[in-house]
Amino acid sequence: MISLLLADDHPVILRGLRDLIGAHDDLRVIGEETDAQRVIEAVTRLKPDVLVMDLMMPGISGMDLIREIAQHHPDTRIVVLSMHSNVAYVWEALRNGALGYVLKCAKNEDLIRTLHEASARRRYLSPPLSENDLEEYSRKVRQYGLDPHDMLTDRERQVLRLAAEGNTSSQIAVQLDIGVRTVESHRANLLHKLGLHNQTELVRYAIQRGIIPPG
């Protein structure tokens, strides 16, 4: 029996995962969390075989969560379930300790296979992700170095542009139809990834990258 901890801040996703996993006798959900910091506490307490986690939850960043679990709870294997297919993001998740990466648009059988592979400590990527794409990106990193901008999700890039244009978190939330807390989480994550510390540095970076015009 493979024990699973589910981590996602969308109840509909958790409900769907429970229903899917419940149809398999060798899989058992032993806990659910919606906040990244509480995931660490749950892993410590429950010691699941596999953690199935989204990368975008309140609390610490998804990559930091992967590193924390991989370092301090190596017996819990990590499977990322995400809407983000950017190869740089997949590469970073695996580099930090994830064993599987499944897109939320993947087939049910791809997720189930990933859970079994991760439980056996084997890496697996759901289609259309591929090892060839990861190896090509890895060669690029070795040759040219890692561009932190590649690590931004599509949503973080939207928040970056809107914030650089001078919009407040409330204004960004309205434009993107998301919560203010979610905007602030995205902003904190993108600043961390880019090594920026304040609004002035964010605007300067956006101008240098051609995201917004100078002046």
Protein backbone atom coordinates (compact mmCIF):
# COMPACT_ATOMS: atom_id res chain seq x y z
CA MET A 1 0.00 0.00 0.00
CA ILE A 2 1.40 3.40 -1.06
CA SER A 3 0.49 6.22 1.34
CA LEU A 4 -0.07 9.65 -0.18
CA LEU A 5 -0.19 13.22 1.10
CA LEU A 6 -1.99 15.63 -1.25
CA ALA A 7 -1.09 19.32 -1.33
CA ASP A 8 -3.00 21.85 -3.42
CA ASP A 9 -4.80 25.05 -2.52
CA HIS A 10 -7.78 24.30 -4.80
CA PRO A 11 -10.44 22.10 -3.14
CA VAL A 12 -11.76 20.91 -6.51
CA ILE A 13 -8.32 19.53 -7.38
CA LEU A 14 -8.07 17.73 -4.05
CA ARG A 15 -11.53 16.26 -4.47
CA GLY A 16 -10.69 15.01 -7.96
CA LEU A 17 -7.45 13.46 -6.74
CA ARG A 18 -9.25 11.69 -3.90
CA ASP A 19 -11.79 10.23 -6.30
CA LEU A 20 -9.13 9.09 -8.76
CA ILE A 21 -6.85 7.58 -6.13
CA GLY A 22 -9.76 5.94 -4.32
CA ALA A 23 -10.32 3.70 -7.34
CA HIS A 24 -6.93 2.03 -6.80
CA ASP A 25 -6.61 -0.47 -3.98
CA ASP A 26 -2.84 -0.06 -3.63
CA LEU A 27 -3.02 3.72 -3.08
CA ARG A 28 -4.25 5.44 0.09
CA VAL A 29 -4.61 9.15 0.87
CA ILE A 30 -3.54 9.79 4.48
CA GLY A 31 -3.68 13.58 4.50
CA GLU A 32 -4.40 16.81 2.61
CA GLU A 33 -2.97 20.30 2.95
CA THR A 34 -3.59 23.64 1.23
CA ASP A 35 -0.67 25.66 2.65
CA ALA A 36 2.98 24.97 1.83
CA GLN A 37 4.26 25.52 5.36
CA ARG A 38 1.69 23.07 6.76
CA VAL A 39 2.83 20.51 4.19
CA ILE A 40 6.19 20.30 5.99
CA GLU A 41 4.44 19.70 9.30
CA ALA A 42 2.19 17.04 7.75
CA VAL A 43 5.11 15.20 6.14
CA THR A 44 6.91 15.20 9.48
CA ARG A 45 3.85 13.87 11.27
CA LEU A 46 2.42 11.42 8.73
CA LYS A 47 5.57 10.25 6.90
CA PRO A 48 3.82 9.54 3.57
CA ASP A 49 5.47 7.42 0.91
CA VAL A 50 4.66 10.03 -1.74
CA LEU A 51 3.84 13.73 -1.57
CA VAL A 52 1.72 14.97 -4.49
CA MET A 53 2.07 18.73 -4.57
CA ASP A 54 1.25 21.80 -6.61
CA LEU A 55 4.02 24.36 -6.97
CA MET A 56 1.76 27.35 -6.36
CA MET A 57 0.40 27.40 -2.81
CA PRO A 58 0.34 30.00 -0.04
CA GLY A 59 3.39 29.94 2.20
CA ILE A 60 6.91 29.21 1.03
CA SER A 61 7.66 28.77 -2.67
CA GLY A 62 7.15 25.41 -4.32
CA MET A 63 10.86 24.99 -5.08
CA ASP A 64 11.78 25.75 -1.47
CA LEU A 65 9.21 23.21 -0.32
CA ILE A 66 10.69 20.54 -2.60
CA ARG A 67 14.19 21.24 -1.28
CA GLU A 68 12.99 21.13 2.33
CA ILE A 69 11.22 17.79 1.94
CA ALA A 70 13.99 16.21 -0.14
CA GLN A 71 16.65 17.25 2.37
CA HIS A 72 14.91 16.47 5.64
CA HIS A 73 12.45 13.74 4.63
CA PRO A 74 14.20 11.69 1.92
CA ASP A 75 11.89 8.71 2.45
CA THR A 76 8.99 10.78 1.13
CA ARG A 77 9.15 10.88 -2.64
CA ILE A 78 7.87 14.03 -4.35
CA VAL A 79 5.55 14.22 -7.35
CA VAL A 80 4.72 17.65 -8.72
CA LEU A 81 1.24 18.13 -10.17
CA SER A 82 1.25 21.45 -12.00
CA MET A 83 -0.24 23.43 -14.86
CA HIS A 84 3.22 24.77 -15.73
CA SER A 85 4.96 22.94 -18.60
CA ASN A 86 7.92 25.29 -18.96
CA VAL A 87 10.94 22.98 -19.31
CA ALA A 88 13.07 25.23 -17.11
CA TYR A 89 10.52 24.89 -14.33
CA VAL A 90 10.38 21.11 -14.69
CA TRP A 91 14.17 20.92 -14.71
CA GLU A 92 14.42 23.00 -11.53
CA ALA A 93 11.79 20.91 -9.72
CA LEU A 94 13.65 17.69 -10.53
CA ARG A 95 17.01 19.22 -9.71
CA ASN A 96 15.71 20.17 -6.27
CA GLY A 97 14.50 16.68 -5.49
CA ALA A 98 11.20 15.84 -7.20
CA LEU A 99 10.96 12.38 -8.78
CA GLY A 100 7.90 12.95 -10.93
CA TYR A 101 6.28 15.83 -12.78
CA VAL A 102 2.70 15.58 -14.03
CA LEU A 103 0.75 18.26 -15.86
CA LYS A 104 -2.77 18.93 -14.63
CA CYS A 105 -3.98 18.35 -18.17
CA ALA A 106 -2.43 14.85 -18.23
CA LYS A 107 -4.44 11.65 -18.46
CA ASN A 108 -5.44 9.96 -15.22
CA GLU A 109 -3.30 6.94 -16.01
CA ASP A 110 -0.23 9.17 -16.33
CA LEU A 111 -0.67 10.40 -12.77
CA ILE A 112 -1.22 6.89 -11.43
CA ARG A 113 1.85 5.62 -13.24
CA THR A 114 3.90 8.51 -11.86
CA LEU A 115 2.83 7.66 -8.31
CA HIS A 116 3.94 4.06 -8.74
CA GLU A 117 7.22 5.04 -10.36
CA ALA A 118 8.00 7.57 -7.65
CA SER A 119 7.17 5.05 -4.93
CA ALA A 120 9.80 2.78 -6.50
CA ARG A 121 12.23 5.74 -6.61
CA ARG A 122 12.13 5.96 -10.40
CA ARG A 123 11.76 9.27 -12.23
CA TYR A 124 8.81 9.79 -14.55
CA LEU A 125 7.45 12.69 -16.58
CA SER A 126 3.96 12.79 -17.98
CA PRO A 127 3.63 13.49 -21.73
CA PRO A 128 4.30 15.80 -23.48
CA LEU A 129 7.25 16.38 -21.12
CA SER A 130 10.30 14.38 -22.11
CA GLU A 131 13.77 13.46 -20.91
CA ASN A 132 15.15 14.70 -24.24
CA ASP A 133 13.80 18.20 -23.60
CA LEU A 134 15.34 18.18 -20.12
CA GLU A 135 18.71 17.03 -21.43
CA GLU A 136 18.68 19.75 -24.10
CA TYR A 137 17.88 22.38 -21.49
CA SER A 138 20.55 20.98 -19.18
CA ARG A 139 23.15 21.34 -21.94
CA LYS A 140 22.04 24.94 -22.43
CA VAL A 141 22.50 25.64 -18.72
CA ARG A 142 25.96 24.05 -18.70
CA GLN A 143 26.97 26.10 -21.73
CA TYR A 144 25.41 29.47 -21.01
CA GLY A 145 24.39 29.36 -17.34
CA LEU A 146 20.92 29.47 -15.87
CA ASP A 147 18.76 32.48 -16.73
CA PRO A 148 16.57 33.12 -13.66
CA HIS A 149 13.92 34.63 -15.93
CA ASP A 150 13.31 31.17 -17.39
CA MET A 151 12.16 30.06 -13.95
CA LEU A 152 9.23 32.46 -13.85
CA THR A 153 5.80 30.99 -14.45
CA ASP A 154 3.44 32.64 -16.94
CA ARG A 155 1.46 34.14 -14.06
CA GLU A 156 4.61 35.49 -12.40
CA ARG A 157 5.59 37.14 -15.68
CA GLN A 158 2.18 38.79 -15.84
CA VAL A 159 2.53 40.05 -12.28
CA LEU A 160 6.07 41.26 -13.02
CA ARG A 161 4.90 43.34 -15.98
CA LEU A 162 1.88 44.80 -14.19
CA ALA A 163 3.86 45.56 -11.03
CA ALA A 164 6.62 47.20 -13.07
CA GLU A 165 3.98 49.38 -14.74
CA GLY A 166 3.11 50.68 -11.27
CA ASN A 167 -0.06 48.74 -10.49
CA THR A 168 -0.81 47.91 -6.85
CA SER A 169 -1.52 44.35 -5.71
CA SER A 170 -5.24 45.17 -5.58
CA GLN A 171 -5.20 46.52 -9.13
CA ILE A 172 -3.28 43.49 -10.39
CA ALA A 173 -5.73 41.17 -8.64
CA VAL A 174 -8.64 42.82 -10.48
CA GLN A 175 -6.91 42.67 -13.86
CA LEU A 176 -5.91 39.01 -13.51
CA ASP A 177 -9.09 37.97 -11.67
CA ILE A 178 -7.17 36.44 -8.77
CA GLY A 179 -6.93 37.21 -5.06
CA VAL A 180 -4.72 39.93 -3.60
CA ARG A 181 -2.98 37.36 -1.43
CA THR A 182 -2.21 35.31 -4.54
CA VAL A 183 -0.76 38.37 -6.27
CA GLU A 184 1.46 39.08 -3.29
CA SER A 185 2.62 35.46 -3.24
CA HIS A 186 3.51 35.61 -6.94
CA ARG A 187 5.33 38.91 -6.43
CA ALA A 188 7.37 37.54 -3.53
CA ASN A 189 8.26 34.43 -5.53
CA LEU A 190 9.38 36.33 -8.61
CA LEU A 191 11.47 38.76 -6.57
CA HIS A 192 13.16 35.80 -4.87
CA LYS A 193 13.84 34.01 -8.15
CA LEU A 194 15.28 37.14 -9.78
CA GLY A 195 17.29 38.24 -6.76
CA LEU A 196 15.41 41.55 -6.54
CA HIS A 197 14.59 43.31 -3.28
CA ASN A 198 12.22 46.19 -3.94
CA GLN A 199 10.03 48.00 -6.46
CA THR A 200 12.89 50.13 -7.81
CA GLU A 201 14.95 47.05 -8.66
CA LEU A 202 11.89 45.38 -10.18
CA VAL A 203 11.24 48.35 -12.49
CA ARG A 204 14.92 48.55 -13.48
CA TYR A 205 14.94 44.83 -14.28
CA ALA A 206 11.76 45.09 -16.35
CA ILE A 207 13.24 47.94 -18.41
CA GLN A 208 16.51 46.07 -18.97
CA ARG A 209 14.62 43.00 -20.18
CA GLY A 210 12.40 45.06 -22.47
CA ILE A 211 9.28 44.11 -20.51
CA ILE A 212 8.27 47.76 -20.17
CA PRO A 213 9.58 50.77 -22.08
CA PRO A 214 12.13 53.07 -20.42
CA GLY A 215 10.97 56.36 -19.00
